[in-house]
Amino acid sequence: MEIELVNKYKMEINKDFRKYAENALKDYDFAISNLRYLLLIERRSGISLNEIAIELNIDKAMVTRGIKKLVELGYVNKEQDKIDTRVYRLTLSKKGEEALGSLSGIFKEWFDKVTHDFDEEEKDIYMKLIKKVYENRVYK
C-alpha cells in the first residue's frame, strides 16, 4: 500500500510541475523538454546533439527534433565543428539567453508554492530525503 501512495504522489507531483512549467513556457512557443535542452546548452556551451542525448539519456532523433525547433525559433545557434564536420556545436543565442533569464525562476517559484506551508526544518528534511532518493536511483 505504501509504495502505491509513493508512486501516486510522485506521478502527481511531476504532473503538477509539468503543467506549471508548460503554462510559464507558452509565451516562448516551446515545451518543457526544450527547456531542458536550453539549460544544458547554457551549462555546457558548445555541446553536440549526441552529447545532449547521452547526458539526458534520450533518443538522439528526439534531441535533433527539439534542437531543430529551438534553432528555428532563434533560441539556439548551431555551428559545424571545425575539426569534425559531422558534428554540430550548440550555443545559446541572445534570444535564448534572454528567455532563460526570464524563466530561471520557474523551478523556485513552483517549489515555493508547493512548500509554502513548510517550516525551514521541514524543507531541510525534504531536501535531505530527496537527495538520498536521487543518490540511490537505479539508472545513473
C-alpha atoms as a PDB file:
ATOM      1  CA  MET A   1       0.000   0.000   0.000  1.00  0.00           C
ATOM      2  CA  GLU A   2       2.760   2.489   0.873  1.00  0.00           C
ATOM      3  CA  ILE A   3       4.555   2.020  -2.444  1.00  0.00           C
ATOM      4  CA  GLU A   4       1.297   2.694  -4.304  1.00  0.00           C
ATOM      5  CA  LEU A   5       0.984   6.009  -2.482  1.00  0.00           C
ATOM      6  CA  VAL A   6       4.614   6.905  -3.179  1.00  0.00           C
ATOM      7  CA  ASN A   7       4.081   6.213  -6.889  1.00  0.00           C
ATOM      8  CA  LYS A   8       0.822   8.151  -6.926  1.00  0.00           C
ATOM      9  CA  TYR A   9       2.349  11.159  -5.172  1.00  0.00           C
ATOM     10  CA  LYS A  10       5.453  11.137  -7.368  1.00  0.00           C
ATOM     11  CA  MET A  11       3.389  10.995 -10.561  1.00  0.00           C
ATOM     12  CA  GLU A  12       1.030  13.747  -9.406  1.00  0.00           C
ATOM     13  CA  ILE A  13       3.898  15.998  -8.310  1.00  0.00           C
ATOM     14  CA  ASN A  14       5.596  15.535 -11.696  1.00  0.00           C
ATOM     15  CA  LYS A  15       2.313  16.247 -13.479  1.00  0.00           C
ATOM     16  CA  ASP A  16       1.747  19.371 -11.393  1.00  0.00           C
ATOM     17  CA  PHE A  17       5.203  20.749 -12.163  1.00  0.00           C
ATOM     18  CA  ARG A  18       4.841  19.912 -15.864  1.00  0.00           C
ATOM     19  CA  LYS A  19       1.545  21.834 -16.042  1.00  0.00           C
ATOM     20  CA  TYR A  20       3.039  24.765 -14.142  1.00  0.00           C
ATOM     21  CA  ALA A  21       6.076  24.865 -16.418  1.00  0.00           C
ATOM     22  CA  GLU A  22       4.047  24.468 -19.611  1.00  0.00           C
ATOM     23  CA  ASN A  23       1.889  27.410 -18.578  1.00  0.00           C
ATOM     24  CA  ALA A  24       5.003  29.535 -17.982  1.00  0.00           C
ATOM     25  CA  LEU A  25       6.517  28.403 -21.306  1.00  0.00           C
ATOM     26  CA  LYS A  26       3.533  29.025 -23.580  1.00  0.00           C
ATOM     27  CA  ASP A  27       4.727  32.551 -24.416  1.00  0.00           C
ATOM     28  CA  TYR A  28       8.010  31.085 -25.679  1.00  0.00           C
ATOM     29  CA  ASP A  29       6.416  28.527 -28.050  1.00  0.00           C
ATOM     30  CA  PHE A  30       8.320  25.505 -26.741  1.00  0.00           C
ATOM     31  CA  ALA A  31       7.772  22.621 -24.341  1.00  0.00           C
ATOM     32  CA  ILE A  32       9.431  21.680 -21.077  1.00  0.00           C
ATOM     33  CA  SER A  33      11.687  19.185 -22.874  1.00  0.00           C
ATOM     34  CA  ASN A  34      13.099  22.104 -24.853  1.00  0.00           C
ATOM     35  CA  LEU A  35      13.767  23.979 -21.617  1.00  0.00           C
ATOM     36  CA  ARG A  36      15.939  21.062 -20.517  1.00  0.00           C
ATOM     37  CA  TYR A  37      17.956  21.439 -23.728  1.00  0.00           C
ATOM     38  CA  LEU A  38      18.393  25.177 -23.165  1.00  0.00           C
ATOM     39  CA  LEU A  39      19.542  24.662 -19.580  1.00  0.00           C
ATOM     40  CA  LEU A  40      22.056  22.042 -20.672  1.00  0.00           C
ATOM     41  CA  ILE A  41      23.360  24.189 -23.544  1.00  0.00           C
ATOM     42  CA  GLU A  42      23.746  27.083 -21.110  1.00  0.00           C
ATOM     43  CA  ARG A  43      25.726  24.886 -18.741  1.00  0.00           C
ATOM     44  CA  ARG A  44      27.828  23.241 -21.486  1.00  0.00           C
ATOM     45  CA  SER A  45      28.139  25.768 -24.283  1.00  0.00           C
ATOM     46  CA  GLY A  46      29.369  24.086 -27.464  1.00  0.00           C
ATOM     47  CA  ILE A  47      27.773  20.737 -26.607  1.00  0.00           C
ATOM     48  CA  SER A  48      26.811  18.468 -29.530  1.00  0.00           C
ATOM     49  CA  LEU A  49      23.469  16.793 -30.260  1.00  0.00           C
ATOM     50  CA  ASN A  50      24.944  13.404 -29.402  1.00  0.00           C
ATOM     51  CA  GLU A  51      26.325  14.679 -26.099  1.00  0.00           C
ATOM     52  CA  ILE A  52      22.874  16.035 -25.182  1.00  0.00           C
ATOM     53  CA  ALA A  53      21.284  12.661 -25.966  1.00  0.00           C
ATOM     54  CA  ILE A  54      23.839  10.888 -23.777  1.00  0.00           C
ATOM     55  CA  GLU A  55      23.628  13.420 -20.933  1.00  0.00           C
ATOM     56  CA  LEU A  56      19.819  13.319 -20.812  1.00  0.00           C
ATOM     57  CA  ASN A  57      19.634   9.612 -21.653  1.00  0.00           C
ATOM     58  CA  ILE A  58      17.179  10.134 -24.507  1.00  0.00           C
ATOM     59  CA  ASP A  59      16.953   9.213 -28.171  1.00  0.00           C
ATOM     60  CA  LYS A  60      19.167  11.282 -30.489  1.00  0.00           C
ATOM     61  CA  ALA A  61      16.315  11.687 -33.006  1.00  0.00           C
ATOM     62  CA  MET A  62      14.184  13.295 -30.284  1.00  0.00           C
ATOM     63  CA  VAL A  63      17.032  15.659 -29.398  1.00  0.00           C
ATOM     64  CA  THR A  64      17.507  16.518 -33.081  1.00  0.00           C
ATOM     65  CA  ARG A  65      13.817  17.453 -33.463  1.00  0.00           C
ATOM     66  CA  GLY A  66      13.821  19.549 -30.292  1.00  0.00           C
ATOM     67  CA  ILE A  67      17.017  21.392 -31.171  1.00  0.00           C
ATOM     68  CA  LYS A  68      15.793  21.980 -34.723  1.00  0.00           C
ATOM     69  CA  LYS A  69      12.758  23.780 -33.302  1.00  0.00           C
ATOM     70  CA  LEU A  70      14.901  25.857 -30.931  1.00  0.00           C
ATOM     71  CA  VAL A  71      17.188  26.840 -33.816  1.00  0.00           C
ATOM     72  CA  GLU A  72      14.170  27.776 -35.986  1.00  0.00           C
ATOM     73  CA  LEU A  73      12.743  29.876 -33.143  1.00  0.00           C
ATOM     74  CA  GLY A  74      16.096  31.619 -32.713  1.00  0.00           C
ATOM     75  CA  TYR A  75      16.921  30.373 -29.199  1.00  0.00           C
ATOM     76  CA  VAL A  76      19.939  28.262 -30.191  1.00  0.00           C
ATOM     77  CA  ASN A  77      22.862  28.712 -32.586  1.00  0.00           C
ATOM     78  CA  LYS A  78      24.092  25.610 -34.419  1.00  0.00           C
ATOM     79  CA  GLU A  79      27.595  25.659 -35.926  1.00  0.00           C
ATOM     80  CA  GLN A  80      29.543  22.928 -37.658  1.00  0.00           C
ATOM     81  CA  ASP A  81      32.557  21.714 -35.673  1.00  0.00           C
ATOM     82  CA  LYS A  82      35.798  22.970 -37.218  1.00  0.00           C
ATOM     83  CA  ILE A  83      37.636  19.665 -36.688  1.00  0.00           C
ATOM     84  CA  ASP A  84      34.872  17.071 -37.181  1.00  0.00           C
ATOM     85  CA  THR A  85      32.455  18.416 -39.791  1.00  0.00           C
ATOM     86  CA  ARG A  86      29.913  15.667 -38.975  1.00  0.00           C
ATOM     87  CA  VAL A  87      29.347  17.296 -35.574  1.00  0.00           C
ATOM     88  CA  TYR A  88      27.381  20.464 -34.825  1.00  0.00           C
ATOM     89  CA  ARG A  89      28.115  22.566 -31.743  1.00  0.00           C
ATOM     90  CA  LEU A  90      25.284  24.327 -29.955  1.00  0.00           C
ATOM     91  CA  THR A  91      25.295  27.638 -28.124  1.00  0.00           C
ATOM     92  CA  LEU A  92      22.560  29.881 -26.803  1.00  0.00           C
ATOM     93  CA  SER A  93      21.635  32.861 -28.924  1.00  0.00           C
ATOM     94  CA  LYS A  94      20.951  36.239 -27.340  1.00  0.00           C
ATOM     95  CA  LYS A  95      17.238  35.372 -27.516  1.00  0.00           C
ATOM     96  CA  GLY A  96      17.936  32.047 -25.764  1.00  0.00           C
ATOM     97  CA  GLU A  97      19.886  33.774 -23.008  1.00  0.00           C
ATOM     98  CA  GLU A  98      17.060  36.279 -22.515  1.00  0.00           C
ATOM     99  CA  ALA A  99      14.445  33.515 -22.395  1.00  0.00           C
ATOM    100  CA  LEU A 100      16.424  31.576 -19.801  1.00  0.00           C
ATOM    101  CA  GLY A 101      16.883  34.742 -17.785  1.00  0.00           C
ATOM    102  CA  SER A 102      13.120  35.200 -17.715  1.00  0.00           C
ATOM    103  CA  LEU A 103      12.444  31.538 -16.953  1.00  0.00           C
ATOM    104  CA  SER A 104      15.239  30.898 -14.462  1.00  0.00           C
ATOM    105  CA  GLY A 105      12.909  31.324 -11.512  1.00  0.00           C
ATOM    106  CA  ILE A 106      10.309  28.822 -12.714  1.00  0.00           C
ATOM    107  CA  PHE A 107      11.638  25.931 -10.620  1.00  0.00           C
ATOM    108  CA  LYS A 108      11.987  28.058  -7.482  1.00  0.00           C
ATOM    109  CA  GLU A 109       8.548  29.635  -7.945  1.00  0.00           C
ATOM    110  CA  TRP A 110       6.895  26.223  -8.207  1.00  0.00           C
ATOM    111  CA  PHE A 111       8.864  24.843  -5.251  1.00  0.00           C
ATOM    112  CA  ASP A 112       7.943  27.873  -3.141  1.00  0.00           C
ATOM    113  CA  LYS A 113       4.266  27.388  -3.998  1.00  0.00           C
ATOM    114  CA  VAL A 114       4.166  23.683  -3.111  1.00  0.00           C
ATOM    115  CA  THR A 115       6.190  24.139   0.086  1.00  0.00           C
ATOM    116  CA  HIS A 116       4.588  27.398   1.254  1.00  0.00           C
ATOM    117  CA  ASP A 117       3.381  25.788   4.476  1.00  0.00           C
ATOM    118  CA  PHE A 118       6.692  24.020   5.279  1.00  0.00           C
ATOM    119  CA  ASP A 119       8.821  25.466   8.034  1.00  0.00           C
ATOM    120  CA  GLU A 120      12.599  25.607   7.495  1.00  0.00           C
ATOM    121  CA  GLU A 121      13.179  22.292   9.266  1.00  0.00           C
ATOM    122  CA  GLU A 122      10.629  20.536   7.040  1.00  0.00           C
ATOM    123  CA  LYS A 123      12.238  21.994   3.905  1.00  0.00           C
ATOM    124  CA  ASP A 124      15.621  20.817   5.171  1.00  0.00           C
ATOM    125  CA  ILE A 125      14.330  17.295   5.843  1.00  0.00           C
ATOM    126  CA  TYR A 126      12.632  17.177   2.440  1.00  0.00           C
ATOM    127  CA  MET A 127      15.833  18.230   0.657  1.00  0.00           C
ATOM    128  CA  LYS A 128      17.894  15.632   2.524  1.00  0.00           C
ATOM    129  CA  LEU A 129      15.430  12.860   1.702  1.00  0.00           C
ATOM    130  CA  ILE A 130      15.014  13.776  -1.958  1.00  0.00           C
ATOM    131  CA  LYS A 131      18.817  13.947  -2.284  1.00  0.00           C
ATOM    132  CA  LYS A 132      19.076  10.429  -0.839  1.00  0.00           C
ATOM    133  CA  VAL A 133      16.497   9.146  -3.311  1.00  0.00           C
ATOM    134  CA  TYR A 134      18.441  10.838  -6.114  1.00  0.00           C
ATOM    135  CA  GLU A 135      21.729   9.305  -4.982  1.00  0.00           C
ATOM    136  CA  ASN A 136      20.125   5.850  -4.710  1.00  0.00           C
ATOM    137  CA  ARG A 137      18.421   5.921  -8.110  1.00  0.00           C
ATOM    138  CA  VAL A 138      18.901   2.780 -10.182  1.00  0.00           C
ATOM    139  CA  TYR A 139      19.864   4.369 -13.515  1.00  0.00           C
ATOM    140  CA  LYS A 140      22.538   6.998 -13.022  1.00  0.00           C
END
